[in-house]
């Protein structure tokens, strides 16, 4: 099993209801593909952590590459894991409060993944990409 994190830029005219459609569709597809994870949408960008078997993750990434609702997908992290950080979350949208993610949402993730989330929220992931 692997854990993968990526960021991407939303299409310029992405409506908020489309973000909710993404969550609903992802939850159904992830149940089918035995994937778990979380999604953050902030500042017209996506950050996702997804977990599952390599073939399922690779299939998801291929579908995401073809999805016109976002672009500039960058894989930030990919590693083998022994157990899931989000065993019950087929796809959970994590709400940002005061510029940060609630600690409970990241309780089971590594410090490396927490650092990636912080970098995404403060824009340094985007800045590194632009440099």
N, C-alpha and C. Protein backbone atom coordinates (compact mmCIF):
# COMPACT_ATOMS: atom_id res chain seq x y z
N UNK A 1 0.86 -1.17 0.00
CA UNK A 1 0.00 0.00 0.00
C UNK A 1 0.90 1.23 0.00
N UNK A 2 0.43 2.29 -0.67
CA UNK A 2 1.20 3.53 -0.71
C UNK A 2 0.35 4.71 -0.27
N UNK A 3 1.04 5.76 0.09
CA UNK A 3 0.43 7.04 0.40
C UNK A 3 1.03 8.05 -0.57
N UNK A 4 0.17 8.86 -1.18
CA UNK A 4 0.61 9.84 -2.15
C UNK A 4 -0.03 11.18 -1.81
N UNK A 5 0.75 12.24 -1.94
CA UNK A 5 0.23 13.60 -1.77
C UNK A 5 0.55 14.38 -3.03
N UNK A 6 -0.42 15.18 -3.48
CA UNK A 6 -0.18 16.02 -4.64
C UNK A 6 -0.87 17.36 -4.43
N UNK A 7 -0.45 18.33 -5.20
CA UNK A 7 -1.14 19.61 -5.26
C UNK A 7 -1.45 19.90 -6.72
N UNK A 8 -2.47 20.73 -6.94
CA UNK A 8 -2.82 21.15 -8.30
C UNK A 8 -3.52 22.50 -8.23
N UNK A 9 -3.59 23.14 -9.37
CA UNK A 9 -4.27 24.43 -9.49
C UNK A 9 -5.65 24.21 -10.06
N UNK A 10 -6.65 24.84 -9.44
CA UNK A 10 -8.02 24.73 -9.94
C UNK A 10 -8.17 25.54 -11.22
N UNK A 11 -9.08 25.08 -12.06
CA UNK A 11 -9.45 25.87 -13.24
C UNK A 11 -9.95 27.23 -12.76
N UNK A 12 -9.64 28.27 -13.48
CA UNK A 12 -9.93 29.63 -13.05
C UNK A 12 -11.37 29.91 -12.69
N UNK A 13 -12.32 29.25 -13.34
CA UNK A 13 -13.73 29.53 -13.08
C UNK A 13 -14.42 28.40 -12.33
N UNK A 14 -13.67 27.63 -11.55
CA UNK A 14 -14.24 26.51 -10.79
C UNK A 14 -15.21 27.03 -9.75
N UNK A 15 -16.45 26.60 -9.82
CA UNK A 15 -17.49 27.03 -8.87
C UNK A 15 -17.43 26.17 -7.61
N UNK A 16 -17.88 26.75 -6.49
CA UNK A 16 -17.82 26.02 -5.22
C UNK A 16 -18.64 24.74 -5.26
N UNK A 17 -19.77 24.74 -6.00
CA UNK A 17 -20.56 23.51 -6.08
C UNK A 17 -19.79 22.40 -6.81
N UNK A 18 -18.87 22.77 -7.71
CA UNK A 18 -18.06 21.77 -8.39
C UNK A 18 -17.09 21.09 -7.43
N UNK A 19 -16.61 21.82 -6.43
CA UNK A 19 -15.73 21.22 -5.42
C UNK A 19 -16.50 20.16 -4.65
N UNK A 20 -17.75 20.46 -4.29
CA UNK A 20 -18.56 19.47 -3.58
C UNK A 20 -18.86 18.26 -4.47
N UNK A 21 -19.07 18.47 -5.76
CA UNK A 21 -19.26 17.35 -6.68
C UNK A 21 -18.01 16.48 -6.74
N UNK A 22 -16.85 17.11 -6.72
CA UNK A 22 -15.58 16.36 -6.72
C UNK A 22 -15.52 15.46 -5.49
N UNK A 23 -15.87 16.01 -4.33
CA UNK A 23 -15.84 15.22 -3.08
C UNK A 23 -16.81 14.05 -3.17
N UNK A 24 -18.03 14.29 -3.60
CA UNK A 24 -19.03 13.22 -3.68
C UNK A 24 -18.61 12.13 -4.65
N UNK A 25 -18.15 12.52 -5.83
CA UNK A 25 -17.72 11.54 -6.82
C UNK A 25 -16.50 10.77 -6.32
N UNK A 26 -15.56 11.49 -5.71
CA UNK A 26 -14.36 10.84 -5.18
C UNK A 26 -14.71 9.81 -4.12
N UNK A 27 -15.63 10.14 -3.24
CA UNK A 27 -16.02 9.21 -2.18
C UNK A 27 -16.58 7.92 -2.78
N UNK A 28 -17.42 8.03 -3.79
CA UNK A 28 -17.99 6.82 -4.44
C UNK A 28 -16.88 6.02 -5.14
N UNK A 29 -16.05 6.71 -5.92
CA UNK A 29 -15.00 6.01 -6.64
C UNK A 29 -13.97 5.40 -5.71
N UNK A 30 -13.65 6.12 -4.63
CA UNK A 30 -12.65 5.62 -3.69
C UNK A 30 -13.15 4.39 -2.95
N UNK A 31 -14.44 4.33 -2.66
CA UNK A 31 -15.01 3.13 -2.06
C UNK A 31 -14.82 1.95 -3.01
N UNK A 32 -15.13 2.16 -4.27
CA UNK A 32 -14.97 1.12 -5.30
C UNK A 32 -13.52 0.66 -5.40
N UNK A 33 -12.57 1.63 -5.34
CA UNK A 33 -11.16 1.33 -5.55
C UNK A 33 -10.37 1.09 -4.26
N UNK A 34 -11.07 1.08 -3.13
CA UNK A 34 -10.46 0.90 -1.82
C UNK A 34 -9.37 1.94 -1.55
N UNK A 35 -9.68 3.20 -1.83
CA UNK A 35 -8.78 4.32 -1.55
C UNK A 35 -9.35 5.13 -0.38
N UNK A 36 -8.45 5.70 0.39
CA UNK A 36 -8.85 6.59 1.48
C UNK A 36 -8.01 7.85 1.40
N UNK A 37 -8.50 8.92 2.02
CA UNK A 37 -7.70 10.13 2.02
C UNK A 37 -8.46 11.38 2.37
N UNK A 38 -7.80 12.50 2.13
CA UNK A 38 -8.37 13.81 2.45
C UNK A 38 -8.04 14.79 1.35
N UNK A 39 -8.86 15.84 1.26
CA UNK A 39 -8.68 16.86 0.25
C UNK A 39 -8.84 18.23 0.90
N UNK A 40 -7.93 19.12 0.56
CA UNK A 40 -8.02 20.52 0.99
C UNK A 40 -8.16 21.35 -0.27
N UNK A 41 -9.10 22.29 -0.25
CA UNK A 41 -9.23 23.25 -1.34
C UNK A 41 -9.09 24.63 -0.72
N UNK A 42 -8.03 25.34 -1.12
CA UNK A 42 -7.76 26.68 -0.56
C UNK A 42 -7.04 27.51 -1.61
N UNK A 43 -7.40 28.78 -1.69
CA UNK A 43 -6.73 29.71 -2.60
C UNK A 43 -6.68 29.19 -4.04
N UNK A 44 -7.80 28.60 -4.48
CA UNK A 44 -7.92 28.07 -5.84
C UNK A 44 -6.92 26.96 -6.15
N UNK A 45 -6.53 26.23 -5.10
CA UNK A 45 -5.60 25.11 -5.26
C UNK A 45 -6.13 23.91 -4.49
N UNK A 46 -5.75 22.73 -4.95
CA UNK A 46 -6.09 21.48 -4.28
C UNK A 46 -4.83 20.88 -3.66
N UNK A 47 -5.01 20.22 -2.53
CA UNK A 47 -3.97 19.41 -1.91
C UNK A 47 -4.68 18.14 -1.47
N UNK A 48 -4.16 17.00 -1.89
CA UNK A 48 -4.79 15.74 -1.54
C UNK A 48 -3.76 14.75 -1.05
N UNK A 49 -4.15 14.00 -0.02
CA UNK A 49 -3.41 12.83 0.43
C UNK A 49 -4.32 11.65 0.14
N UNK A 50 -3.79 10.66 -0.56
CA UNK A 50 -4.58 9.49 -0.93
C UNK A 50 -3.78 8.24 -0.61
N UNK A 51 -4.48 7.19 -0.18
CA UNK A 51 -3.83 5.94 0.24
C UNK A 51 -4.51 4.75 -0.41
N UNK A 52 -3.72 3.77 -0.79
CA UNK A 52 -4.28 2.55 -1.36
C UNK A 52 -3.22 1.75 -2.08
N UNK A 53 -3.68 0.76 -2.81
CA UNK A 53 -2.77 -0.09 -3.56
C UNK A 53 -2.19 0.71 -4.74
N UNK A 54 -0.94 0.44 -5.11
CA UNK A 54 -0.29 1.21 -6.17
C UNK A 54 -1.10 1.29 -7.47
N UNK A 55 -1.69 0.18 -7.90
CA UNK A 55 -2.45 0.19 -9.16
C UNK A 55 -3.65 1.13 -9.06
N UNK A 56 -4.32 1.15 -7.91
CA UNK A 56 -5.47 2.03 -7.72
C UNK A 56 -5.04 3.49 -7.68
N UNK A 57 -3.92 3.77 -7.02
CA UNK A 57 -3.39 5.14 -6.96
C UNK A 57 -2.99 5.59 -8.36
N UNK A 58 -2.31 4.73 -9.11
CA UNK A 58 -1.88 5.09 -10.46
C UNK A 58 -3.09 5.33 -11.37
N UNK A 59 -4.13 4.53 -11.22
CA UNK A 59 -5.35 4.74 -12.00
C UNK A 59 -6.00 6.07 -11.67
N UNK A 60 -6.04 6.40 -10.38
CA UNK A 60 -6.60 7.68 -9.96
C UNK A 60 -5.80 8.83 -10.55
N UNK A 61 -4.49 8.74 -10.48
CA UNK A 61 -3.65 9.82 -11.00
C UNK A 61 -3.85 10.01 -12.50
N UNK A 62 -4.05 8.92 -13.23
CA UNK A 62 -4.32 9.03 -14.66
C UNK A 62 -5.65 9.76 -14.90
N UNK A 63 -6.67 9.44 -14.10
CA UNK A 63 -7.96 10.14 -14.24
C UNK A 63 -7.82 11.61 -13.87
N UNK A 64 -7.04 11.90 -12.84
CA UNK A 64 -6.86 13.30 -12.43
C UNK A 64 -6.14 14.10 -13.50
N UNK A 65 -5.17 13.50 -14.16
CA UNK A 65 -4.44 14.19 -15.23
C UNK A 65 -5.38 14.61 -16.35
N UNK A 66 -6.44 13.83 -16.57
CA UNK A 66 -7.39 14.12 -17.65
C UNK A 66 -8.55 15.01 -17.19
N UNK A 67 -8.63 15.32 -15.91
CA UNK A 67 -9.75 16.09 -15.36
C UNK A 67 -9.56 17.57 -15.68
N UNK A 68 -10.47 18.19 -16.44
CA UNK A 68 -10.29 19.59 -16.83
C UNK A 68 -10.55 20.60 -15.71
N UNK A 69 -10.97 20.13 -14.54
CA UNK A 69 -11.26 21.07 -13.44
C UNK A 69 -10.01 21.55 -12.73
N UNK A 70 -8.87 20.94 -13.05
CA UNK A 70 -7.61 21.41 -12.46
C UNK A 70 -6.46 21.08 -13.39
N UNK A 71 -5.30 21.65 -13.08
CA UNK A 71 -4.12 21.47 -13.92
C UNK A 71 -2.87 21.62 -13.04
N UNK A 72 -1.72 21.43 -13.64
CA UNK A 72 -0.42 21.58 -12.96
C UNK A 72 -0.33 20.66 -11.74
N UNK A 73 -0.67 19.40 -11.94
CA UNK A 73 -0.58 18.43 -10.85
C UNK A 73 0.88 18.16 -10.54
N UNK A 74 1.22 18.26 -9.26
CA UNK A 74 2.59 17.98 -8.82
C UNK A 74 2.55 16.97 -7.68
N UNK A 75 3.17 15.81 -7.89
CA UNK A 75 3.28 14.81 -6.81
C UNK A 75 4.33 15.30 -5.84
N UNK A 76 3.94 15.44 -4.59
CA UNK A 76 4.81 15.97 -3.54
C UNK A 76 5.41 14.88 -2.67
N UNK A 77 4.75 13.74 -2.64
CA UNK A 77 5.14 12.67 -1.71
C UNK A 77 4.55 11.36 -2.22
N UNK A 78 5.34 10.31 -2.20
CA UNK A 78 4.86 8.97 -2.52
C UNK A 78 5.74 8.00 -1.77
N UNK A 79 5.10 7.17 -0.93
CA UNK A 79 5.89 6.18 -0.20
C UNK A 79 5.02 5.00 0.21
N UNK A 80 5.68 3.89 0.42
CA UNK A 80 4.97 2.71 0.93
C UNK A 80 4.61 2.95 2.38
N UNK A 81 3.44 2.44 2.76
CA UNK A 81 2.99 2.55 4.16
C UNK A 81 2.48 1.19 4.63
N UNK A 82 2.56 0.98 5.93
CA UNK A 82 2.08 -0.26 6.51
C UNK A 82 0.61 -0.20 6.90
N UNK A 83 0.15 0.99 7.23
CA UNK A 83 -1.26 1.17 7.57
C UNK A 83 -1.72 2.55 7.15
N UNK A 84 -3.01 2.69 7.01
CA UNK A 84 -3.61 3.93 6.53
C UNK A 84 -3.66 4.99 7.62
N UNK A 85 -3.46 6.22 7.23
CA UNK A 85 -3.66 7.35 8.15
C UNK A 85 -5.12 7.75 8.21
N UNK A 86 -5.89 7.41 7.16
CA UNK A 86 -7.31 7.78 7.06
C UNK A 86 -8.17 6.55 6.79
N UNK A 87 -8.18 5.57 7.68
CA UNK A 87 -8.84 4.30 7.38
C UNK A 87 -10.35 4.43 7.15
N UNK A 88 -10.99 5.45 7.69
CA UNK A 88 -12.44 5.59 7.56
C UNK A 88 -12.86 6.68 6.58
N UNK A 89 -11.92 7.40 6.02
CA UNK A 89 -12.24 8.52 5.14
C UNK A 89 -12.08 8.11 3.69
N UNK A 90 -13.18 7.87 2.99
CA UNK A 90 -13.11 7.55 1.56
C UNK A 90 -12.67 8.78 0.79
N UNK A 91 -13.12 9.93 1.20
CA UNK A 91 -12.59 11.22 0.73
C UNK A 91 -13.23 12.27 1.60
N UNK A 92 -12.45 12.87 2.41
CA UNK A 92 -12.92 13.87 3.35
C UNK A 92 -12.37 15.23 2.95
N UNK A 93 -13.27 16.20 2.86
CA UNK A 93 -12.80 17.57 2.63
C UNK A 93 -12.48 18.17 3.99
N UNK A 94 -11.26 18.61 4.14
CA UNK A 94 -10.83 19.21 5.40
C UNK A 94 -11.01 20.72 5.29
N UNK A 95 -11.77 21.27 6.21
CA UNK A 95 -12.03 22.72 6.23
C UNK A 95 -10.87 23.45 6.88
N UNK A 96 -10.53 24.58 6.31
CA UNK A 96 -9.46 25.42 6.84
C UNK A 96 -10.08 26.40 7.82
N UNK A 97 -9.50 26.50 9.00
CA UNK A 97 -9.97 27.45 10.01
C UNK A 97 -8.80 28.33 10.44
N UNK A 98 -8.94 29.63 10.29
CA UNK A 98 -7.87 30.56 10.65
C UNK A 98 -6.55 30.23 9.97
N UNK A 99 -6.64 29.79 8.71
CA UNK A 99 -5.43 29.52 7.94
C UNK A 99 -4.74 28.21 8.23
N UNK A 100 -5.37 27.33 9.02
CA UNK A 100 -4.72 26.06 9.31
C UNK A 100 -5.75 24.93 9.33
N UNK A 101 -5.23 23.72 9.30
CA UNK A 101 -6.05 22.52 9.33
C UNK A 101 -6.23 22.11 10.79
N UNK A 102 -7.45 21.76 11.19
CA UNK A 102 -7.64 21.29 12.57
C UNK A 102 -6.73 20.10 12.88
N UNK A 103 -6.10 20.12 14.02
CA UNK A 103 -5.14 19.07 14.39
C UNK A 103 -5.76 17.68 14.33
N UNK A 104 -7.04 17.55 14.68
CA UNK A 104 -7.69 16.24 14.66
C UNK A 104 -7.67 15.63 13.26
N UNK A 105 -7.73 16.46 12.23
CA UNK A 105 -7.75 15.94 10.86
C UNK A 105 -6.42 15.31 10.49
N UNK A 106 -5.34 15.74 11.13
CA UNK A 106 -4.01 15.24 10.80
C UNK A 106 -3.41 14.39 11.92
N UNK A 107 -4.24 13.93 12.82
CA UNK A 107 -3.75 13.22 14.00
C UNK A 107 -2.93 11.98 13.66
N UNK A 108 -3.26 11.30 12.58
CA UNK A 108 -2.58 10.04 12.26
C UNK A 108 -1.55 10.14 11.15
N UNK A 109 -1.25 11.35 10.69
CA UNK A 109 -0.28 11.48 9.60
C UNK A 109 1.10 11.82 10.15
N UNK A 110 2.10 11.52 9.37
CA UNK A 110 3.48 11.75 9.78
C UNK A 110 3.78 13.24 9.87
N UNK A 111 4.84 13.57 10.57
CA UNK A 111 5.25 14.97 10.68
C UNK A 111 5.63 15.52 9.30
N UNK A 112 6.16 14.67 8.43
CA UNK A 112 6.49 15.06 7.06
C UNK A 112 5.23 15.51 6.32
N UNK A 113 4.15 14.76 6.46
CA UNK A 113 2.90 15.11 5.79
C UNK A 113 2.30 16.39 6.40
N UNK A 114 2.40 16.54 7.71
CA UNK A 114 1.92 17.78 8.33
C UNK A 114 2.68 18.98 7.79
N UNK A 115 3.99 18.82 7.60
CA UNK A 115 4.80 19.90 7.05
C UNK A 115 4.36 20.24 5.62
N UNK A 116 4.04 19.22 4.82
CA UNK A 116 3.56 19.48 3.46
C UNK A 116 2.25 20.26 3.48
N UNK A 117 1.35 19.91 4.40
CA UNK A 117 0.08 20.63 4.52
C UNK A 117 0.35 22.09 4.87
N UNK A 118 1.23 22.32 5.84
CA UNK A 118 1.55 23.71 6.24
C UNK A 118 2.17 24.48 5.06
N UNK A 119 3.07 23.84 4.33
CA UNK A 119 3.68 24.49 3.17
C UNK A 119 2.64 24.82 2.12
N UNK A 120 1.71 23.92 1.90
CA UNK A 120 0.64 24.18 0.94
C UNK A 120 -0.19 25.39 1.39
N UNK A 121 -0.56 25.43 2.65
CA UNK A 121 -1.41 26.52 3.15
C UNK A 121 -0.70 27.87 3.16
N UNK A 122 0.60 27.86 3.40
CA UNK A 122 1.31 29.16 3.40
C UNK A 122 1.81 29.54 2.02
N UNK A 123 1.53 28.68 1.02
CA UNK A 123 1.88 29.02 -0.36
C UNK A 123 3.27 28.63 -0.78
N UNK A 124 4.08 28.05 0.11
CA UNK A 124 5.45 27.75 -0.28
C UNK A 124 5.53 26.59 -1.26
N UNK A 125 4.55 25.69 -1.28
CA UNK A 125 4.55 24.63 -2.30
C UNK A 125 4.37 25.27 -3.66
N UNK A 126 3.48 26.24 -3.76
CA UNK A 126 3.27 26.95 -5.03
C UNK A 126 4.49 27.76 -5.40
N UNK A 127 5.12 28.39 -4.42
CA UNK A 127 6.30 29.21 -4.68
C UNK A 127 7.47 28.37 -5.16
N UNK A 128 7.66 27.19 -4.58
CA UNK A 128 8.74 26.31 -5.01
C UNK A 128 8.50 25.88 -6.45
N UNK A 129 7.24 25.62 -6.79
CA UNK A 129 6.89 25.19 -8.13
C UNK A 129 7.17 26.29 -9.15
N UNK A 130 6.91 27.53 -8.76
CA UNK A 130 7.09 28.65 -9.68
C UNK A 130 8.56 29.04 -9.85
N UNK A 131 9.40 28.68 -8.88
CA UNK A 131 10.81 29.07 -8.93
C UNK A 131 11.59 28.31 -9.96
